[in-house]
Amino acid sequence: MTHTTLRSLVSRLAFLVAPALLAQGGPMPPPPLMLFVHEAVKPGRGAAHEATESAWSRALARGKATDHYLGMSALTGPSEALFIMGYGSYADWEAKQGELDRDPALKLEVEKVAQQDGEQLSSTRSVLGTLRPDLGYGPPVEIGKMRYMRVRTFRLKQGQGKAFEAGVKTALAAYGKSHYPASFAFYEVAAGAWSPTYIVLRPLKNLGEMDAFDTADKAFMEALGEEGQKAMQKVFTDTVAGVENQLYAFNPKLSYPGPDTVASDPAFWTPKPGK
């Protein structure tokens, strides 16, 4: 990541639990606020970007920073890294902004790495989303055991947010009826992108889970029924301006995971130097 201010905003990673449960792993609910930071990596600079990001996380570890984040590498679309950072509230987000300012030595080290990191990037963008638990589906997941994330972004036509949400809730009923085998978190964009926009996160343990999508989707459509399919198709045609689907792989070299995430799979989240 390139901006010191963004690093200072990093909070307890998405899906954290109470401090008493840290380092225990286990399923955790998504946070009320999520900051998504997109970094466009220059062609051929992927390895160099990983190196500067690793240096960044080592600096935070030496400074005993309490803020954590997960980084992912894009498997589809443009050459990109995506970082996700979770917050308990807007007040929590604000409180985390000053962490580096309270440690001048750490701030100086991070600023030096930030300059090196910026040489690997062509642009950055941050988007803030608020959790919509009424639009999500499935039980909490153990994020430390996930290896991939499918990110689906819905950009809506103006004034169509409520109608879109009604369509999503129709779909949720069919998901439940068909026992759809997935969990996903729904975020409504609060700042940083076209509004209204919704971001849907679907974590995956492995890519093999995608092989079962067709069967699960068929059961979902059957649960909707013919009339339900027609109604939902009309809702989305009327409300959605565009949909983007991207697939990312969690990358420990781009991450500064919390103790609970590391506890879920220490071998993955704490790779040996040089690997």
Protein backbone atom coordinates (compact mmCIF):
# COMPACT_ATOMS: atom_id res chain seq x y z
CA MET A 1 0.00 0.00 0.00
CA THR A 2 1.27 3.44 -0.79
CA HIS A 3 -0.23 6.01 1.57
CA THR A 4 0.86 6.32 5.18
CA THR A 5 -2.57 7.65 6.04
CA LEU A 6 -4.13 4.46 4.75
CA ARG A 7 -1.78 2.34 6.80
CA SER A 8 -2.67 4.35 9.89
CA LEU A 9 -6.33 3.59 9.20
CA VAL A 10 -5.78 -0.14 9.25
CA SER A 11 -7.86 -1.75 11.96
CA ARG A 12 -8.64 -5.11 13.39
CA LEU A 13 -9.02 -7.21 10.30
CA ALA A 14 -12.39 -8.02 8.93
CA PHE A 15 -13.96 -10.81 10.93
CA LEU A 16 -12.23 -10.13 14.30
CA VAL A 17 -13.65 -11.21 17.65
CA ALA A 18 -13.28 -9.86 21.18
CA PRO A 19 -9.71 -9.57 22.54
CA ALA A 20 -10.28 -12.44 24.94
CA LEU A 21 -10.73 -14.76 22.00
CA LEU A 22 -7.72 -13.63 20.00
CA ALA A 23 -5.31 -16.30 18.76
CA GLN A 24 -8.03 -18.93 18.94
CA GLY A 25 -9.17 -18.83 15.33
CA GLY A 26 -12.66 -20.06 14.58
CA PRO A 27 -15.58 -18.53 12.65
CA MET A 28 -15.96 -14.77 13.01
CA PRO A 29 -18.66 -12.38 11.76
CA PRO A 30 -17.80 -9.60 9.29
CA PRO A 31 -17.18 -6.09 10.73
CA PRO A 32 -19.65 -3.20 10.57
CA LEU A 33 -17.24 -1.15 8.42
CA MET A 34 -14.82 -2.35 5.76
CA LEU A 35 -12.15 -0.35 3.98
CA PHE A 36 -11.19 -1.75 0.58
CA VAL A 37 -7.85 -0.51 -0.77
CA HIS A 38 -7.10 -1.29 -4.42
CA GLU A 39 -3.53 -0.98 -5.68
CA ALA A 40 -2.85 -1.21 -9.42
CA VAL A 41 0.50 -3.00 -9.74
CA LYS A 42 2.68 -2.11 -12.72
CA PRO A 43 3.26 -5.02 -15.17
CA GLY A 44 6.24 -7.10 -14.14
CA ARG A 45 6.42 -5.53 -10.67
CA GLY A 46 4.48 -8.21 -8.79
CA ALA A 47 7.50 -9.69 -7.01
CA ALA A 48 8.91 -6.27 -6.14
CA HIS A 49 5.52 -5.24 -4.78
CA GLU A 50 5.38 -8.34 -2.59
CA ALA A 51 8.84 -7.50 -1.27
CA THR A 52 7.92 -3.96 -0.24
CA GLU A 53 4.64 -5.12 1.27
CA SER A 54 6.50 -7.76 3.29
CA ALA A 55 8.91 -5.07 4.51
CA TRP A 56 5.89 -3.00 5.50
CA SER A 57 4.33 -5.76 7.58
CA ARG A 58 7.68 -6.55 9.24
CA ALA A 59 8.01 -2.90 10.24
CA LEU A 60 4.53 -2.96 11.77
CA ALA A 61 5.38 -6.16 13.62
CA ARG A 62 8.60 -4.68 15.03
CA GLY A 63 6.63 -1.64 16.14
CA LYS A 64 4.06 -3.94 17.76
CA ALA A 65 1.29 -2.29 15.73
CA THR A 66 -2.13 -3.50 16.77
CA ASP A 67 -3.75 -2.84 13.39
CA HIS A 68 -4.08 -5.76 11.00
CA TYR A 69 -5.18 -6.37 7.42
CA LEU A 70 -5.36 -9.04 4.76
CA GLY A 71 -3.95 -8.61 1.28
CA MET A 72 -4.99 -10.45 -1.87
CA SER A 73 -3.58 -10.79 -5.39
CA ALA A 74 -5.94 -10.59 -8.35
CA LEU A 75 -6.39 -13.78 -10.36
CA THR A 76 -8.64 -12.04 -12.87
CA GLY A 77 -8.93 -8.55 -14.31
CA PRO A 78 -6.11 -5.97 -14.12
CA SER A 79 -2.87 -6.56 -12.23
CA GLU A 80 -3.99 -5.55 -8.77
CA ALA A 81 -3.65 -6.08 -5.04
CA LEU A 82 -6.69 -5.72 -2.78
CA PHE A 83 -6.44 -5.03 0.95
CA ILE A 84 -9.38 -5.37 3.34
CA MET A 85 -9.50 -3.67 6.73
CA GLY A 86 -12.33 -3.94 9.25
CA TYR A 87 -13.63 -1.48 11.85
CA GLY A 88 -16.15 -1.78 14.64
CA SER A 89 -17.58 1.72 14.05
CA TYR A 90 -16.79 5.12 12.57
CA ALA A 91 -15.38 6.10 15.96
CA ASP A 92 -13.09 3.08 15.85
CA TRP A 93 -11.98 4.06 12.34
CA GLU A 94 -11.18 7.57 13.53
CA ALA A 95 -9.32 6.34 16.61
CA LYS A 96 -7.04 4.14 14.50
CA GLN A 97 -5.87 6.99 12.28
CA GLY A 98 -3.31 8.23 14.78
CA GLU A 99 -1.47 5.01 15.60
CA LEU A 100 1.60 5.80 13.49
CA ASP A 101 1.66 9.38 14.71
CA ARG A 102 2.07 8.09 18.25
CA ASP A 103 5.22 6.16 17.24
CA PRO A 104 7.60 8.51 15.34
CA ALA A 105 10.22 5.80 14.74
CA LEU A 106 7.68 3.41 13.25
CA LYS A 107 6.17 6.22 11.18
CA LEU A 108 9.56 7.10 9.72
CA GLU A 109 10.26 3.47 8.80
CA VAL A 110 6.83 3.00 7.24
CA GLU A 111 7.16 6.22 5.21
CA LYS A 112 10.46 4.96 3.80
CA VAL A 113 8.90 1.66 2.76
CA ALA A 114 5.86 3.53 1.38
CA GLN A 115 8.09 5.47 -0.99
CA GLN A 116 9.63 2.25 -2.29
CA ASP A 117 6.19 0.65 -2.58
CA GLY A 118 4.86 3.56 -4.61
CA GLU A 119 7.43 2.85 -7.31
CA GLN A 120 5.70 -0.48 -8.01
CA LEU A 121 2.21 1.02 -8.44
CA SER A 122 0.35 3.01 -11.07
CA SER A 123 -2.62 4.03 -8.90
CA THR A 124 -4.47 3.40 -5.64
CA ARG A 125 -8.09 3.73 -4.58
CA SER A 126 -9.87 3.28 -1.27
CA VAL A 127 -13.58 2.52 -0.83
CA LEU A 128 -15.47 2.45 2.46
CA GLY A 129 -18.39 0.06 2.85
CA THR A 130 -20.96 -0.46 5.61
CA LEU A 131 -22.14 -3.96 6.41
CA ARG A 132 -25.70 -4.84 5.44
CA PRO A 133 -26.42 -7.92 7.55
CA ASP A 134 -29.98 -8.02 6.22
CA LEU A 135 -28.62 -8.71 2.74
CA GLY A 136 -25.90 -11.25 3.64
CA TYR A 137 -26.23 -15.01 3.72
CA GLY A 138 -24.80 -18.02 5.53
CA PRO A 139 -22.94 -18.59 8.80
CA PRO A 140 -19.70 -16.78 9.78
CA VAL A 141 -16.55 -18.29 8.27
CA GLU A 142 -13.08 -18.92 9.64
CA ILE A 143 -11.34 -16.38 7.47
CA GLY A 144 -7.87 -17.69 8.32
CA LYS A 145 -8.69 -20.94 6.53
CA MET A 146 -9.93 -19.21 3.39
CA ARG A 147 -7.62 -18.99 0.38
CA TYR A 148 -9.67 -17.09 -2.18
CA MET A 149 -12.28 -14.34 -2.32
CA ARG A 150 -14.83 -13.72 -5.03
CA VAL A 151 -15.74 -10.05 -5.08
CA ARG A 152 -18.93 -9.05 -6.92
CA THR A 153 -19.66 -5.34 -7.33
CA PHE A 154 -23.15 -4.12 -8.24
CA ARG A 155 -23.40 -0.56 -9.57
CA LEU A 156 -27.01 0.58 -9.54
CA LYS A 157 -29.08 3.09 -11.43
CA GLN A 158 -29.90 6.22 -9.46
CA GLY A 159 -32.85 5.90 -7.12
CA GLN A 160 -33.01 2.11 -7.41
CA GLY A 161 -31.40 1.07 -4.12
CA LYS A 162 -34.58 0.00 -2.33
CA ALA A 163 -35.91 -1.93 -5.32
CA PHE A 164 -32.56 -3.71 -5.68
CA GLU A 165 -32.55 -4.65 -2.00
CA ALA A 166 -36.05 -6.09 -2.35
CA GLY A 167 -34.76 -8.27 -5.17
CA VAL A 168 -31.84 -9.44 -3.05
CA LYS A 169 -34.20 -10.41 -0.24
CA THR A 170 -36.27 -12.44 -2.69
CA ALA A 171 -33.08 -14.23 -3.66
CA LEU A 172 -32.15 -14.80 -0.01
CA ALA A 173 -35.40 -16.66 0.61
CA ALA A 174 -34.60 -18.98 -2.31
CA TYR A 175 -31.03 -19.44 -1.08
CA GLY A 176 -32.39 -20.60 2.26
CA LYS A 177 -34.98 -22.86 0.68
CA SER A 178 -32.35 -24.53 -1.53
CA HIS A 179 -29.81 -24.79 1.35
CA TYR A 180 -27.32 -22.92 -0.79
CA PRO A 181 -23.79 -23.98 0.31
CA ALA A 182 -22.11 -20.60 0.75
CA SER A 183 -21.57 -17.60 2.98
CA PHE A 184 -21.27 -14.05 1.74
CA ALA A 185 -21.14 -10.59 3.28
CA PHE A 186 -22.94 -7.62 1.70
CA TYR A 187 -21.49 -4.10 1.95
CA GLU A 188 -23.10 -0.87 0.79
CA VAL A 189 -20.56 1.70 -0.39
CA ALA A 190 -20.54 4.77 1.85
CA ALA A 191 -17.69 6.67 0.18
CA GLY A 192 -15.03 6.31 -2.50
CA ALA A 193 -17.09 5.01 -5.44
CA TRP A 194 -20.25 5.46 -7.46
CA SER A 195 -23.36 5.44 -5.30
CA PRO A 196 -25.42 3.35 -4.97
CA THR A 197 -22.93 0.48 -5.16
CA TYR A 198 -22.92 -2.82 -3.27
CA ILE A 199 -19.91 -5.11 -2.77
CA VAL A 200 -20.48 -8.80 -2.08
CA LEU A 201 -17.64 -10.87 -0.56
CA ARG A 202 -17.73 -14.64 -0.93
CA PRO A 203 -14.73 -16.39 0.68
CA LEU A 204 -13.62 -19.77 -0.67
CA LYS A 205 -11.43 -22.48 0.86
CA ASN A 206 -10.30 -23.64 -2.56
CA LEU A 207 -11.11 -23.09 -6.23
CA GLY A 208 -12.71 -26.52 -6.36
CA GLU A 209 -15.72 -24.97 -4.63
CA MET A 210 -16.42 -23.13 -7.86
CA ASP A 211 -16.92 -26.47 -9.65
CA ALA A 212 -20.10 -26.92 -7.62
CA PHE A 213 -21.54 -23.49 -8.48
CA ASP A 214 -23.65 -24.79 -11.38
CA THR A 215 -25.35 -27.45 -9.26
CA ALA A 216 -26.01 -25.02 -6.41
CA ASP A 217 -27.30 -22.36 -8.79
CA LYS A 218 -29.66 -24.87 -10.42
CA ALA A 219 -31.15 -25.74 -7.03
CA PHE A 220 -31.45 -22.02 -6.26
CA MET A 221 -33.36 -21.38 -9.49
CA GLU A 222 -35.68 -24.28 -8.79
CA ALA A 223 -36.37 -22.84 -5.34
CA LEU A 224 -37.25 -19.50 -6.95
CA GLY A 225 -39.73 -21.09 -9.31
CA GLU A 226 -40.68 -19.81 -12.75
CA GLU A 227 -42.57 -16.77 -11.52
CA GLY A 228 -39.87 -15.92 -9.00
CA GLN A 229 -37.21 -16.10 -11.71
CA LYS A 230 -39.14 -13.72 -13.93
CA ALA A 231 -39.74 -11.30 -11.08
CA MET A 232 -36.13 -11.27 -9.95
CA GLN A 233 -34.84 -10.88 -13.51
CA LYS A 234 -37.06 -7.84 -13.96
CA VAL A 235 -35.88 -6.30 -10.69
CA PHE A 236 -32.23 -6.61 -11.62
CA THR A 237 -32.78 -5.45 -15.18
CA ASP A 238 -34.58 -2.37 -13.86
CA THR A 239 -32.12 -1.54 -11.09
CA VAL A 240 -28.58 -2.67 -12.03
CA ALA A 241 -26.36 -0.55 -14.30
CA GLY A 242 -23.46 -2.99 -14.24
CA VAL A 243 -21.92 -5.95 -12.41
CA GLU A 244 -18.21 -6.74 -12.02
CA ASN A 245 -16.93 -10.12 -10.84
CA GLN A 246 -13.34 -10.57 -9.74
CA LEU A 247 -11.44 -13.41 -8.13
CA TYR A 248 -8.58 -12.87 -5.68
CA ALA A 249 -6.16 -15.14 -3.82
CA PHE A 250 -5.17 -14.35 -0.23
CA ASN A 251 -1.46 -13.56 -0.13
CA PRO A 252 0.40 -13.72 3.23
CA LYS A 253 3.22 -11.60 1.74
CA LEU A 254 0.73 -8.77 1.31
CA SER A 255 -0.85 -9.21 4.74
CA TYR A 256 -0.40 -8.19 8.35
CA PRO A 257 -2.85 -10.68 9.90
CA GLY A 258 -4.10 -10.60 13.46
CA PRO A 259 -3.25 -13.37 15.95
CA ASP A 260 -6.64 -15.03 15.50
CA THR A 261 -6.18 -15.30 11.74
CA VAL A 262 -2.66 -16.66 12.14
CA ALA A 263 -3.91 -19.22 14.68
CA SER A 264 -6.24 -20.69 12.07
CA ASP A 265 -3.28 -21.73 9.88
CA PRO A 266 0.16 -20.60 11.13
CA ALA A 267 2.03 -22.35 8.29
CA PHE A 268 0.16 -20.33 5.67
CA TRP A 269 0.08 -16.93 7.35
CA THR A 270 3.69 -16.97 8.59
CA PRO A 271 5.67 -18.24 5.58
CA LYS A 272 9.39 -18.75 5.98
CA PRO A 273 11.66 -16.01 4.55
CA GLY A 274 12.39 -16.50 0.88
CA LYS A 275 9.17 -18.41 0.18
